[in-house]
Amino acid sequence: MQTFVENFGTIWGGFLATLSLTAVAGVISFVWGAVLAAFRVSPVGPLRTFGTIYVEVVRNTPLTLMFFFWVFVMPTFGVIFPELGFWPAVVALSLYTSSFVCESLRSGINSVGIGQAEAARSVGFTFGQTLTHIVLPQAWRTAIPPLISVLIALTKNTSVAAGFAFTELVAVSQRLMNANPSDGLFIFFGIGLLYLVITIPLGILAGQLEKKVAFAR
């Protein structure tokens, strides 16, 4: 316990690093995931094919392999990140999480009645206008609860970055436990509690939003 208290500044730094990684990768993955979802429901065959292949390949690729690719393989092709630990982690997590965002959002799109899209087209809306003005606003509302679950999974997946030169919560805990093995149990539970500080409020928010969506229906 004493080790945890004495090194709380270092642990807090790891917590903020985890939080920043979650926030940046979350925003990017939500934007790219929305684009992929649009591709997957697009009437343009090549875009639909690209979206399908991307989601199926990335979603079934181990996250650790994604990290390995961006940290060790891409630099051999001259792709050098300005901040070695943070940005490769952001790219790996964003590309990986976006495939799950895409599927959550696509399920929301599929929940919108096809009659609404047909009515929009009948008054002259293009596919893009129908998607952005009619379908997506309703799809986001339905997809918010599963999207928050994806964000919770992203928070936990940031722990993989500990093995690839990024000092977040798990990396900090490993260093502290190696230096203070007698306090390992307190450090372990303390780090776990900090993860819960992020994930439990998100879980509660998902439950509240799910109730509101169900009531709206």
Protein backbone atom coordinates (compact mmCIF):
# COMPACT_ATOMS: atom_id res chain seq x y z
CA MET A 1 0.00 0.00 0.00
CA GLN A 2 2.81 2.39 0.85
CA THR A 3 4.40 1.88 -2.56
CA PHE A 4 1.12 2.76 -4.27
CA VAL A 5 0.75 5.95 -2.23
CA GLU A 6 4.39 7.03 -2.64
CA ASN A 7 4.30 6.49 -6.40
CA PHE A 8 0.82 7.86 -6.97
CA GLY A 9 2.23 10.68 -9.12
CA THR A 10 3.73 8.12 -11.52
CA ILE A 11 0.54 6.05 -11.45
CA TRP A 12 -1.57 9.14 -12.12
CA GLY A 13 0.64 9.93 -15.11
CA GLY A 14 -0.04 6.42 -16.43
CA PHE A 15 -3.78 6.94 -15.85
CA LEU A 16 -3.73 10.19 -17.86
CA ALA A 17 -1.75 8.46 -20.60
CA THR A 18 -4.38 5.70 -20.78
CA LEU A 19 -7.15 8.29 -20.81
CA SER A 20 -5.53 10.35 -23.59
CA LEU A 21 -4.87 7.24 -25.68
CA THR A 22 -8.49 6.17 -25.27
CA ALA A 23 -9.80 9.63 -26.16
CA VAL A 24 -7.66 10.20 -29.28
CA ALA A 25 -8.05 6.66 -30.63
CA GLY A 26 -11.77 6.77 -29.79
CA VAL A 27 -12.40 9.93 -31.82
CA ILE A 28 -10.43 8.66 -34.81
CA SER A 29 -12.02 5.21 -34.73
CA PHE A 30 -15.52 6.69 -34.51
CA VAL A 31 -14.91 8.93 -37.54
CA TRP A 32 -13.25 6.20 -39.63
CA GLY A 33 -15.85 3.66 -38.48
CA ALA A 34 -18.65 5.95 -39.69
CA VAL A 35 -16.96 6.23 -43.09
CA LEU A 36 -16.61 2.45 -43.27
CA ALA A 37 -20.27 2.01 -42.35
CA ALA A 38 -21.20 4.37 -45.19
CA PHE A 39 -19.02 2.31 -47.52
CA ARG A 40 -20.71 -0.92 -46.43
CA VAL A 41 -24.21 0.34 -47.25
CA SER A 42 -23.14 2.26 -50.34
CA PRO A 43 -24.67 1.45 -53.73
CA VAL A 44 -21.17 1.73 -55.21
CA GLY A 45 -19.81 -1.82 -55.50
CA PRO A 46 -16.05 -1.12 -55.00
CA LEU A 47 -16.70 0.93 -51.85
CA ARG A 48 -18.97 -1.77 -50.47
CA THR A 49 -16.35 -4.43 -51.24
CA PHE A 50 -13.57 -2.39 -49.65
CA GLY A 51 -15.61 -1.82 -46.49
CA THR A 52 -16.51 -5.50 -46.20
CA ILE A 53 -12.94 -6.73 -46.73
CA TYR A 54 -11.49 -4.16 -44.34
CA VAL A 55 -13.90 -5.02 -41.53
CA GLU A 56 -13.56 -8.77 -41.92
CA VAL A 57 -9.75 -8.70 -42.10
CA VAL A 58 -9.09 -6.17 -39.34
CA ARG A 59 -11.75 -7.46 -36.96
CA ASN A 60 -10.28 -10.98 -37.16
CA THR A 61 -6.65 -9.86 -36.79
CA PRO A 62 -5.13 -10.00 -33.28
CA LEU A 63 -4.62 -6.53 -31.84
CA THR A 64 -1.08 -7.43 -30.77
CA LEU A 65 -0.26 -8.15 -34.42
CA MET A 66 -1.60 -4.73 -35.38
CA PHE A 67 0.70 -3.13 -32.82
CA PHE A 68 3.66 -5.16 -34.04
CA PHE A 69 3.00 -4.08 -37.63
CA TRP A 70 2.92 -0.34 -36.86
CA VAL A 71 5.73 -0.37 -34.31
CA PHE A 72 8.25 -2.66 -36.03
CA VAL A 73 7.25 -3.24 -39.66
CA MET A 74 6.20 0.20 -40.91
CA PRO A 75 9.46 1.92 -39.82
CA THR A 76 11.31 -0.41 -42.23
CA PHE A 77 9.30 1.25 -45.02
CA GLY A 78 10.25 4.71 -43.82
CA VAL A 79 7.10 5.43 -41.81
CA ILE A 80 8.49 7.06 -38.66
CA PHE A 81 6.13 8.43 -36.03
CA PRO A 82 7.03 11.65 -34.18
CA GLU A 83 6.33 10.05 -30.81
CA LEU A 84 7.36 6.40 -30.88
CA GLY A 85 5.08 5.02 -28.17
CA PHE A 86 1.92 7.12 -28.45
CA TRP A 87 1.15 7.51 -32.15
CA PRO A 88 1.76 3.91 -33.27
CA ALA A 89 -0.60 2.90 -30.45
CA VAL A 90 -3.19 5.43 -31.63
CA VAL A 91 -3.01 4.16 -35.21
CA ALA A 92 -3.18 0.48 -34.24
CA LEU A 93 -6.08 0.99 -31.82
CA SER A 94 -7.98 3.31 -34.18
CA LEU A 95 -7.76 1.02 -37.19
CA TYR A 96 -8.71 -1.99 -35.09
CA THR A 97 -11.57 -0.37 -33.15
CA SER A 98 -13.04 1.31 -36.24
CA SER A 99 -14.09 -2.10 -37.60
CA PHE A 100 -16.24 -2.67 -34.50
CA VAL A 101 -17.59 0.89 -34.67
CA CYS A 102 -18.54 0.21 -38.29
CA GLU A 103 -20.51 -2.91 -37.44
CA SER A 104 -22.29 -1.25 -34.51
CA LEU A 105 -23.26 1.69 -36.67
CA ARG A 106 -24.27 -0.53 -39.59
CA SER A 107 -26.63 -2.42 -37.29
CA GLY A 108 -28.12 0.97 -36.37
CA ILE A 109 -28.51 1.84 -40.06
CA ASN A 110 -30.24 -1.48 -40.71
CA SER A 111 -32.70 -0.73 -37.89
CA VAL A 112 -34.01 2.33 -39.75
CA GLY A 113 -37.09 1.47 -41.80
CA ILE A 114 -36.34 1.10 -45.49
CA GLY A 115 -39.46 3.11 -46.25
CA GLN A 116 -37.80 6.26 -44.96
CA ALA A 117 -34.89 5.91 -47.39
CA GLU A 118 -37.30 5.21 -50.23
CA ALA A 119 -39.38 8.27 -49.32
CA ALA A 120 -36.23 10.42 -49.30
CA ARG A 121 -35.20 9.18 -52.73
CA SER A 122 -38.70 9.76 -54.06
CA VAL A 123 -38.40 13.49 -53.30
CA GLY A 124 -35.03 13.72 -55.03
CA PHE A 125 -32.50 13.06 -52.24
CA THR A 126 -29.22 11.50 -53.34
CA PHE A 127 -27.77 8.51 -51.48
CA GLY A 128 -25.40 10.81 -49.58
CA GLN A 129 -28.19 13.19 -48.57
CA THR A 130 -30.44 10.32 -47.52
CA LEU A 131 -27.67 8.80 -45.42
CA THR A 132 -26.54 12.01 -43.70
CA HIS A 133 -29.92 13.71 -43.21
CA ILE A 134 -32.35 10.83 -42.73
CA VAL A 135 -30.66 7.53 -41.87
CA LEU A 136 -27.55 8.35 -39.84
CA PRO A 137 -29.23 10.65 -37.27
CA GLN A 138 -31.58 7.79 -36.36
CA ALA A 139 -28.87 5.15 -36.64
CA TRP A 140 -26.59 7.00 -34.18
CA ARG A 141 -29.34 7.05 -31.58
CA THR A 142 -29.84 3.29 -31.84
CA ALA A 143 -26.12 2.53 -32.05
CA ILE A 144 -25.00 4.66 -29.08
CA PRO A 145 -25.24 1.90 -26.42
CA PRO A 146 -23.19 -0.66 -28.41
CA LEU A 147 -20.76 2.09 -29.40
CA ILE A 148 -20.13 2.86 -25.73
CA SER A 149 -19.43 -0.85 -25.23
CA VAL A 150 -16.87 -0.57 -28.03
CA LEU A 151 -15.33 2.42 -26.23
CA ILE A 152 -15.10 0.38 -23.01
CA ALA A 153 -13.35 -2.39 -24.94
CA LEU A 154 -10.99 0.23 -26.41
CA THR A 155 -10.12 1.44 -22.90
CA LYS A 156 -9.13 -2.08 -21.87
CA ASN A 157 -7.28 -2.68 -25.15
CA THR A 158 -4.96 0.25 -24.43
CA SER A 159 -3.17 -2.14 -22.05
CA VAL A 160 -1.60 -3.81 -25.09
CA ALA A 161 0.42 -0.63 -25.63
CA ALA A 162 2.42 -1.51 -22.49
CA GLY A 163 4.33 -4.08 -24.52
CA PHE A 164 5.21 -1.55 -27.24
CA ALA A 165 7.11 1.28 -25.54
CA PHE A 166 4.15 3.29 -24.28
CA THR A 167 3.97 4.07 -20.58
CA GLU A 168 0.32 3.71 -19.62
CA LEU A 169 -1.28 2.12 -16.54
CA VAL A 170 -0.18 -1.47 -17.18
CA ALA A 171 3.39 -0.42 -18.02
CA VAL A 172 3.56 1.62 -14.81
CA SER A 173 2.19 -1.28 -12.75
CA GLN A 174 4.75 -3.68 -14.23
CA ARG A 175 7.62 -1.39 -13.30
CA LEU A 176 6.33 -0.81 -9.78
CA MET A 177 5.66 -4.51 -9.15
CA ASN A 178 9.12 -5.45 -10.42
CA ALA A 179 10.68 -2.89 -8.09
CA ASN A 180 8.40 -3.69 -5.14
CA PRO A 181 7.27 -7.32 -5.37
CA SER A 182 6.02 -7.34 -1.76
CA ASP A 183 3.41 -4.69 -2.63
CA GLY A 184 2.43 -6.30 -5.91
CA LEU A 185 -1.10 -7.16 -4.79
CA PHE A 186 -1.93 -3.60 -3.72
CA ILE A 187 -0.48 -2.20 -6.94
CA PHE A 188 -2.45 -4.71 -9.01
CA PHE A 189 -5.78 -3.87 -7.40
CA GLY A 190 -5.01 -0.14 -7.41
CA ILE A 191 -4.38 -0.18 -11.16
CA GLY A 192 -7.51 -2.24 -11.70
CA LEU A 193 -9.51 0.32 -9.74
CA LEU A 194 -8.28 3.13 -11.98
CA TYR A 195 -9.49 1.22 -15.04
CA LEU A 196 -12.87 0.89 -13.36
CA VAL A 197 -12.93 4.66 -12.85
CA ILE A 198 -13.13 4.93 -16.65
CA THR A 199 -15.20 1.89 -17.60
CA ILE A 200 -17.92 1.85 -14.92
CA PRO A 201 -19.24 5.38 -15.71
CA LEU A 202 -19.24 4.45 -19.40
CA GLY A 203 -21.22 1.30 -18.61
CA ILE A 204 -23.75 3.27 -16.58
CA LEU A 205 -24.05 5.81 -19.40
CA ALA A 206 -24.67 3.00 -21.90
CA GLY A 207 -27.45 1.59 -19.72
CA GLN A 208 -29.14 4.98 -19.35
CA LEU A 209 -28.97 5.68 -23.07
CA GLU A 210 -30.32 2.23 -23.88
CA LYS A 211 -33.36 2.92 -21.68
CA LYS A 212 -33.94 6.25 -23.40
CA VAL A 213 -33.71 4.66 -26.85
CA ALA A 214 -36.14 1.91 -25.83
CA PHE A 215 -38.56 4.56 -24.45
CA ALA A 216 -38.30 6.61 -27.65
CA ARG A 217 -39.28 3.57 -29.65
